[in-house]
């Protein structure tokens, strides 16, 4: 079976997506994003979900902000952390570029399975001599 390949030039990782991937690389930051997806929170409110110092949580929030995954808004003496879903869409859009590779491989698999099934049917339907 001849395999076709898709010829493309490598897709560079845009700068705005690069920071988001750095932020998403850490499981704690991904968990923080899940919490912020439910509601906006102060640093203190985020801290209640983790067994770490306030300084450690602040460092994670800073990296998320640098990756444009969250924004910070002052409200009185507090700083409110808010999820920025547009940045996540940019990451998803970049990843979706690679869907066509999976689509091609799945189509090849489907073709191979269909050819094998056809060969089995042909073999069964031939009369024995």
N, C-alpha and C. Protein backbone atom coordinates (compact mmCIF):
# COMPACT_ATOMS: atom_id res chain seq x y z
N UNK A 1 0.84 -1.17 0.00
CA UNK A 1 0.00 0.00 0.00
C UNK A 1 0.89 1.24 0.00
N UNK A 2 0.67 2.08 -0.97
CA UNK A 2 1.46 3.30 -1.09
C UNK A 2 1.00 4.33 -0.08
N UNK A 3 1.94 4.88 0.63
CA UNK A 3 1.58 5.89 1.63
C UNK A 3 1.84 7.27 1.05
N UNK A 4 0.86 8.14 1.18
CA UNK A 4 1.06 9.52 0.75
C UNK A 4 1.51 10.33 1.95
N UNK A 5 2.23 11.37 1.66
CA UNK A 5 2.68 12.25 2.72
C UNK A 5 2.28 13.67 2.38
N UNK A 6 2.01 14.43 3.37
CA UNK A 6 1.67 15.83 3.19
C UNK A 6 2.96 16.63 3.27
N UNK A 7 3.21 17.39 2.23
CA UNK A 7 4.40 18.24 2.20
C UNK A 7 4.01 19.63 2.68
N UNK A 8 4.58 20.05 3.77
CA UNK A 8 4.33 21.40 4.27
C UNK A 8 5.61 21.97 4.82
N UNK A 9 5.63 23.25 4.94
CA UNK A 9 6.74 23.87 5.64
C UNK A 9 6.39 23.87 7.12
N UNK A 10 7.36 23.77 7.99
CA UNK A 10 7.06 23.74 9.42
C UNK A 10 6.28 24.99 9.83
N UNK A 11 5.32 24.77 10.71
CA UNK A 11 4.52 25.88 11.22
C UNK A 11 5.24 26.48 12.42
N UNK A 12 5.69 27.72 12.31
CA UNK A 12 6.37 28.32 13.46
C UNK A 12 5.39 28.57 14.59
N UNK A 13 5.91 28.54 15.77
CA UNK A 13 5.09 28.80 16.95
C UNK A 13 5.09 30.30 17.20
N UNK A 14 3.93 30.96 17.01
CA UNK A 14 3.89 32.41 17.23
C UNK A 14 4.29 32.76 18.66
N UNK A 15 4.86 33.95 18.84
CA UNK A 15 5.34 34.37 20.16
C UNK A 15 4.25 34.31 21.22
N UNK A 16 3.02 34.75 20.86
CA UNK A 16 1.95 34.75 21.86
C UNK A 16 1.56 33.33 22.27
N UNK A 17 1.73 32.39 21.37
CA UNK A 17 1.41 31.00 21.70
C UNK A 17 2.57 30.37 22.48
N UNK A 18 3.79 30.79 22.19
CA UNK A 18 4.96 30.27 22.89
C UNK A 18 4.83 30.49 24.40
N UNK A 19 4.45 31.69 24.82
CA UNK A 19 4.28 31.98 26.24
C UNK A 19 3.15 31.16 26.85
N UNK A 20 2.10 30.94 26.07
CA UNK A 20 0.97 30.15 26.57
C UNK A 20 1.41 28.70 26.79
N UNK A 21 2.19 28.15 25.86
CA UNK A 21 2.67 26.77 26.04
C UNK A 21 3.58 26.66 27.26
N UNK A 22 4.41 27.66 27.47
CA UNK A 22 5.27 27.65 28.67
C UNK A 22 4.41 27.61 29.92
N UNK A 23 3.36 28.42 29.93
CA UNK A 23 2.47 28.47 31.09
C UNK A 23 1.71 27.16 31.27
N UNK A 24 1.29 26.56 30.17
CA UNK A 24 0.51 25.32 30.23
C UNK A 24 1.36 24.08 30.55
N UNK A 25 2.67 24.23 30.49
CA UNK A 25 3.55 23.08 30.72
C UNK A 25 3.50 22.55 32.15
N UNK A 26 3.05 23.36 33.07
CA UNK A 26 3.06 22.97 34.48
C UNK A 26 1.66 22.54 34.93
N UNK A 27 1.54 21.36 35.58
CA UNK A 27 0.22 20.89 36.02
C UNK A 27 -0.45 21.80 37.05
N UNK A 28 0.33 22.46 37.89
CA UNK A 28 -0.27 23.38 38.87
C UNK A 28 -0.93 24.55 38.15
N UNK A 29 -0.25 25.08 37.15
CA UNK A 29 -0.83 26.21 36.40
C UNK A 29 -2.07 25.77 35.62
N UNK A 30 -2.06 24.57 35.10
CA UNK A 30 -3.27 24.08 34.41
C UNK A 30 -4.43 23.96 35.39
N UNK A 31 -4.15 23.53 36.61
CA UNK A 31 -5.19 23.44 37.63
C UNK A 31 -5.69 24.83 38.02
N UNK A 32 -4.78 25.78 38.14
CA UNK A 32 -5.19 27.16 38.43
C UNK A 32 -6.14 27.65 37.33
N UNK A 33 -5.82 27.37 36.09
CA UNK A 33 -6.70 27.78 34.99
C UNK A 33 -8.08 27.15 35.11
N UNK A 34 -8.13 25.91 35.53
CA UNK A 34 -9.42 25.25 35.70
C UNK A 34 -10.24 25.98 36.77
N UNK A 35 -9.60 26.36 37.86
CA UNK A 35 -10.31 27.09 38.92
C UNK A 35 -10.77 28.47 38.43
N UNK A 36 -9.89 29.16 37.70
CA UNK A 36 -10.25 30.47 37.19
C UNK A 36 -11.31 30.38 36.10
N UNK A 37 -11.43 29.23 35.48
CA UNK A 37 -12.49 29.02 34.51
C UNK A 37 -13.86 28.98 35.17
N UNK A 38 -13.89 28.65 36.45
CA UNK A 38 -15.15 28.62 37.19
C UNK A 38 -15.51 30.00 37.74
N UNK A 39 -14.49 30.75 38.18
CA UNK A 39 -14.74 32.09 38.71
C UNK A 39 -13.44 32.86 38.81
N UNK A 40 -13.54 34.18 38.76
CA UNK A 40 -12.39 35.05 39.00
C UNK A 40 -12.00 34.92 40.47
N UNK A 41 -10.69 35.02 40.76
CA UNK A 41 -10.22 34.84 42.13
C UNK A 41 -9.07 35.78 42.46
N UNK A 42 -8.96 36.09 43.74
CA UNK A 42 -7.79 36.79 44.26
C UNK A 42 -6.69 35.75 44.46
N UNK A 43 -5.47 36.23 44.72
CA UNK A 43 -4.38 35.30 45.00
C UNK A 43 -4.72 34.45 46.22
N UNK A 44 -5.28 35.07 47.23
CA UNK A 44 -5.65 34.34 48.45
C UNK A 44 -6.65 33.23 48.17
N UNK A 45 -7.61 33.51 47.30
CA UNK A 45 -8.61 32.48 46.96
C UNK A 45 -7.97 31.33 46.17
N UNK A 46 -7.03 31.66 45.30
CA UNK A 46 -6.32 30.60 44.56
C UNK A 46 -5.52 29.76 45.54
N UNK A 47 -4.89 30.40 46.52
CA UNK A 47 -4.06 29.69 47.50
C UNK A 47 -4.83 28.62 48.27
N UNK A 48 -6.12 28.84 48.48
CA UNK A 48 -6.90 27.87 49.26
C UNK A 48 -7.01 26.51 48.56
N UNK A 49 -6.71 26.46 47.28
CA UNK A 49 -6.81 25.21 46.53
C UNK A 49 -5.49 24.44 46.47
N UNK A 50 -4.43 25.00 47.05
CA UNK A 50 -3.10 24.39 46.93
C UNK A 50 -2.38 24.39 48.27
N UNK A 51 -1.51 23.41 48.43
CA UNK A 51 -0.67 23.32 49.62
C UNK A 51 0.70 23.90 49.26
N UNK A 52 0.72 25.22 49.07
CA UNK A 52 1.98 25.91 48.74
C UNK A 52 1.88 27.34 49.26
N UNK A 53 3.01 28.00 49.28
CA UNK A 53 3.04 29.36 49.81
C UNK A 53 2.35 30.33 48.85
N UNK A 54 1.99 31.46 49.42
CA UNK A 54 1.39 32.52 48.60
C UNK A 54 2.37 32.98 47.52
N UNK A 55 3.65 33.04 47.88
CA UNK A 55 4.68 33.46 46.91
C UNK A 55 4.76 32.48 45.73
N UNK A 56 4.63 31.18 46.02
CA UNK A 56 4.67 30.18 44.95
C UNK A 56 3.45 30.32 44.03
N UNK A 57 2.30 30.55 44.63
CA UNK A 57 1.08 30.75 43.83
C UNK A 57 1.23 32.01 42.99
N UNK A 58 1.77 33.07 43.57
CA UNK A 58 1.98 34.33 42.85
C UNK A 58 2.89 34.11 41.65
N UNK A 59 3.93 33.30 41.82
CA UNK A 59 4.85 33.02 40.72
C UNK A 59 4.11 32.30 39.58
N UNK A 60 3.28 31.34 39.93
CA UNK A 60 2.49 30.64 38.91
C UNK A 60 1.54 31.61 38.19
N UNK A 61 0.90 32.49 38.96
CA UNK A 61 -0.02 33.46 38.36
C UNK A 61 0.72 34.43 37.44
N UNK A 62 1.94 34.80 37.81
CA UNK A 62 2.74 35.68 36.97
C UNK A 62 3.05 35.03 35.63
N UNK A 63 3.42 33.76 35.66
CA UNK A 63 3.72 33.04 34.42
C UNK A 63 2.47 32.91 33.56
N UNK A 64 1.33 32.65 34.20
CA UNK A 64 0.07 32.59 33.45
C UNK A 64 -0.26 33.95 32.82
N UNK A 65 0.02 35.02 33.56
CA UNK A 65 -0.23 36.36 33.02
C UNK A 65 0.73 36.67 31.87
N UNK A 66 1.99 36.29 32.02
CA UNK A 66 2.97 36.51 30.95
C UNK A 66 2.58 35.74 29.68
N UNK A 67 1.95 34.60 29.85
CA UNK A 67 1.47 33.81 28.73
C UNK A 67 0.14 34.29 28.19
N UNK A 68 -0.38 35.37 28.76
CA UNK A 68 -1.66 35.97 28.36
C UNK A 68 -2.85 35.05 28.58
N UNK A 69 -2.68 34.04 29.45
CA UNK A 69 -3.78 33.13 29.75
C UNK A 69 -4.71 33.68 30.82
N UNK A 70 -4.17 34.60 31.62
CA UNK A 70 -5.01 35.28 32.62
C UNK A 70 -4.71 36.78 32.54
N UNK A 71 -5.62 37.54 33.07
CA UNK A 71 -5.39 38.98 33.24
C UNK A 71 -5.64 39.30 34.71
N UNK A 72 -5.01 40.37 35.17
CA UNK A 72 -5.13 40.77 36.57
C UNK A 72 -5.74 42.17 36.60
N UNK A 73 -6.80 42.31 37.39
CA UNK A 73 -7.53 43.57 37.47
C UNK A 73 -7.60 44.03 38.93
N UNK A 74 -7.11 45.25 39.20
CA UNK A 74 -7.20 45.76 40.57
C UNK A 74 -8.65 46.07 40.95
N UNK A 75 -8.98 45.69 42.16
CA UNK A 75 -10.29 46.03 42.72
C UNK A 75 -10.04 46.41 44.18
N UNK A 76 -9.97 47.71 44.40
CA UNK A 76 -9.60 48.18 45.73
C UNK A 76 -8.17 47.77 46.03
N UNK A 77 -7.97 47.12 47.16
CA UNK A 77 -6.64 46.64 47.53
C UNK A 77 -6.34 45.27 46.95
N UNK A 78 -7.33 44.63 46.36
CA UNK A 78 -7.16 43.27 45.83
C UNK A 78 -6.82 43.30 44.34
N UNK A 79 -6.22 42.22 43.91
CA UNK A 79 -5.96 42.01 42.49
C UNK A 79 -6.73 40.76 42.09
N UNK A 80 -7.63 40.91 41.14
CA UNK A 80 -8.50 39.82 40.71
C UNK A 80 -7.90 39.17 39.47
N UNK A 81 -7.74 37.86 39.54
CA UNK A 81 -7.20 37.08 38.42
C UNK A 81 -8.36 36.52 37.61
N UNK A 82 -8.29 36.71 36.29
CA UNK A 82 -9.38 36.31 35.41
C UNK A 82 -8.83 35.50 34.24
N UNK A 83 -9.47 34.40 33.93
CA UNK A 83 -9.10 33.58 32.78
C UNK A 83 -9.33 34.37 31.50
N UNK A 84 -8.41 34.26 30.55
CA UNK A 84 -8.55 34.90 29.24
C UNK A 84 -8.68 33.80 28.18
N UNK A 85 -9.91 33.40 27.88
CA UNK A 85 -10.11 32.26 26.97
C UNK A 85 -9.64 32.52 25.55
N UNK A 86 -9.49 33.76 25.13
CA UNK A 86 -9.01 34.05 23.77
C UNK A 86 -7.61 33.48 23.57
N UNK A 87 -6.77 33.57 24.60
CA UNK A 87 -5.41 33.02 24.49
C UNK A 87 -5.46 31.51 24.35
N UNK A 88 -6.39 30.87 25.04
CA UNK A 88 -6.52 29.42 24.90
C UNK A 88 -6.98 29.06 23.49
N UNK A 89 -7.80 29.90 22.89
CA UNK A 89 -8.25 29.66 21.52
C UNK A 89 -7.06 29.71 20.56
N UNK A 90 -6.13 30.63 20.79
CA UNK A 90 -4.94 30.72 19.95
C UNK A 90 -4.13 29.43 20.02
N UNK A 91 -4.01 28.87 21.22
CA UNK A 91 -3.30 27.60 21.39
C UNK A 91 -4.05 26.49 20.66
N UNK A 92 -5.36 26.43 20.83
CA UNK A 92 -6.17 25.40 20.17
C UNK A 92 -6.09 25.53 18.65
N UNK A 93 -6.12 26.76 18.15
CA UNK A 93 -6.01 26.97 16.70
C UNK A 93 -4.68 26.46 16.18
N UNK A 94 -3.60 26.72 16.91
CA UNK A 94 -2.29 26.26 16.48
C UNK A 94 -2.23 24.73 16.48
N UNK A 95 -2.78 24.11 17.52
CA UNK A 95 -2.79 22.65 17.59
C UNK A 95 -3.67 22.03 16.51
N UNK A 96 -4.77 22.69 16.18
CA UNK A 96 -5.68 22.17 15.16
C UNK A 96 -5.03 22.08 13.79
N UNK A 97 -3.96 22.83 13.58
CA UNK A 97 -3.22 22.73 12.33
C UNK A 97 -2.80 21.28 12.07
N UNK A 98 -2.56 20.53 13.12
CA UNK A 98 -2.06 19.17 12.98
C UNK A 98 -3.16 18.12 12.82
N UNK A 99 -4.41 18.52 12.92
CA UNK A 99 -5.52 17.58 12.74
C UNK A 99 -5.48 16.90 11.38
N UNK A 100 -5.04 17.61 10.36
CA UNK A 100 -5.05 17.01 9.02
C UNK A 100 -4.12 15.80 8.94
N UNK A 101 -3.07 15.78 9.74
CA UNK A 101 -2.18 14.62 9.74
C UNK A 101 -2.92 13.40 10.30
N UNK A 102 -3.68 13.61 11.36
CA UNK A 102 -4.48 12.52 11.93
C UNK A 102 -5.56 12.11 10.95
N UNK A 103 -6.21 13.09 10.32
CA UNK A 103 -7.27 12.78 9.36
C UNK A 103 -6.74 11.90 8.24
N UNK A 104 -5.55 12.23 7.74
CA UNK A 104 -4.95 11.41 6.66
C UNK A 104 -4.64 10.01 7.15
N UNK A 105 -4.08 9.88 8.32
CA UNK A 105 -3.73 8.55 8.84
C UNK A 105 -4.97 7.71 9.11
N UNK A 106 -6.01 8.34 9.63
CA UNK A 106 -7.25 7.60 9.87
C UNK A 106 -7.90 7.18 8.55
N UNK A 107 -7.80 8.02 7.54
CA UNK A 107 -8.34 7.66 6.22
C UNK A 107 -7.56 6.47 5.65
N UNK A 108 -6.25 6.46 5.82
CA UNK A 108 -5.43 5.33 5.37
C UNK A 108 -5.80 4.05 6.11
N UNK A 109 -6.03 4.16 7.40
CA UNK A 109 -6.42 3.00 8.19
C UNK A 109 -7.78 2.48 7.72
N UNK A 110 -8.71 3.38 7.50
CA UNK A 110 -10.04 2.99 7.02
C UNK A 110 -9.93 2.27 5.68
N UNK A 111 -9.09 2.79 4.79
CA UNK A 111 -8.89 2.16 3.48
C UNK A 111 -8.29 0.76 3.64
N UNK A 112 -7.32 0.61 4.53
CA UNK A 112 -6.67 -0.68 4.74
C UNK A 112 -7.66 -1.70 5.31
N UNK A 113 -8.48 -1.28 6.26
CA UNK A 113 -9.47 -2.18 6.86
C UNK A 113 -10.49 -2.60 5.80
N UNK A 114 -10.95 -1.65 4.99
CA UNK A 114 -11.93 -1.96 3.93
C UNK A 114 -11.34 -2.93 2.91
N UNK A 115 -10.07 -2.73 2.56
CA UNK A 115 -9.42 -3.63 1.60
C UNK A 115 -9.28 -5.03 2.18
N UNK A 116 -8.95 -5.13 3.46
CA UNK A 116 -8.83 -6.43 4.11
C UNK A 116 -10.17 -7.14 4.18
N UNK A 117 -11.22 -6.40 4.51
CA UNK A 117 -12.57 -6.97 4.55
C UNK A 117 -13.00 -7.46 3.18
N UNK A 118 -12.70 -6.69 2.15
CA UNK A 118 -13.04 -7.08 0.78
C UNK A 118 -12.30 -8.34 0.39
N UNK A 119 -11.03 -8.44 0.78
CA UNK A 119 -10.24 -9.63 0.45
C UNK A 119 -10.80 -10.86 1.16
N UNK A 120 -11.26 -10.71 2.41
CA UNK A 120 -11.85 -11.82 3.15
C UNK A 120 -13.14 -12.28 2.48
N UNK A 121 -13.98 -11.33 2.05
CA UNK A 121 -15.23 -11.67 1.39
C UNK A 121 -14.98 -12.40 0.08
N UNK A 122 -13.99 -11.93 -0.68
CA UNK A 122 -13.65 -12.55 -1.96
C UNK A 122 -13.16 -13.99 -1.73
N UNK A 123 -12.36 -14.16 -0.71
CA UNK A 123 -11.80 -15.47 -0.39
C UNK A 123 -12.91 -16.44 0.03
N UNK A 124 -13.90 -15.98 0.79
CA UNK A 124 -15.02 -16.80 1.24
C UNK A 124 -15.97 -17.15 0.12
N UNK A 125 -16.13 -16.26 -0.83
CA UNK A 125 -17.11 -16.48 -1.90
C UNK A 125 -16.58 -17.33 -3.04
N UNK A 126 -15.26 -17.58 -3.10
CA UNK A 126 -14.72 -18.43 -4.15
C UNK A 126 -15.08 -19.89 -3.86
N UNK A 127 -15.64 -20.58 -4.88
CA UNK A 127 -15.96 -21.99 -4.67
C UNK A 127 -14.70 -22.85 -4.62
N UNK A 128 -14.74 -23.87 -3.79
CA UNK A 128 -13.60 -24.78 -3.68
C UNK A 128 -13.67 -25.79 -4.82
N UNK A 129 -12.52 -26.14 -5.36
CA UNK A 129 -12.45 -27.09 -6.47
C UNK A 129 -12.20 -28.47 -5.99
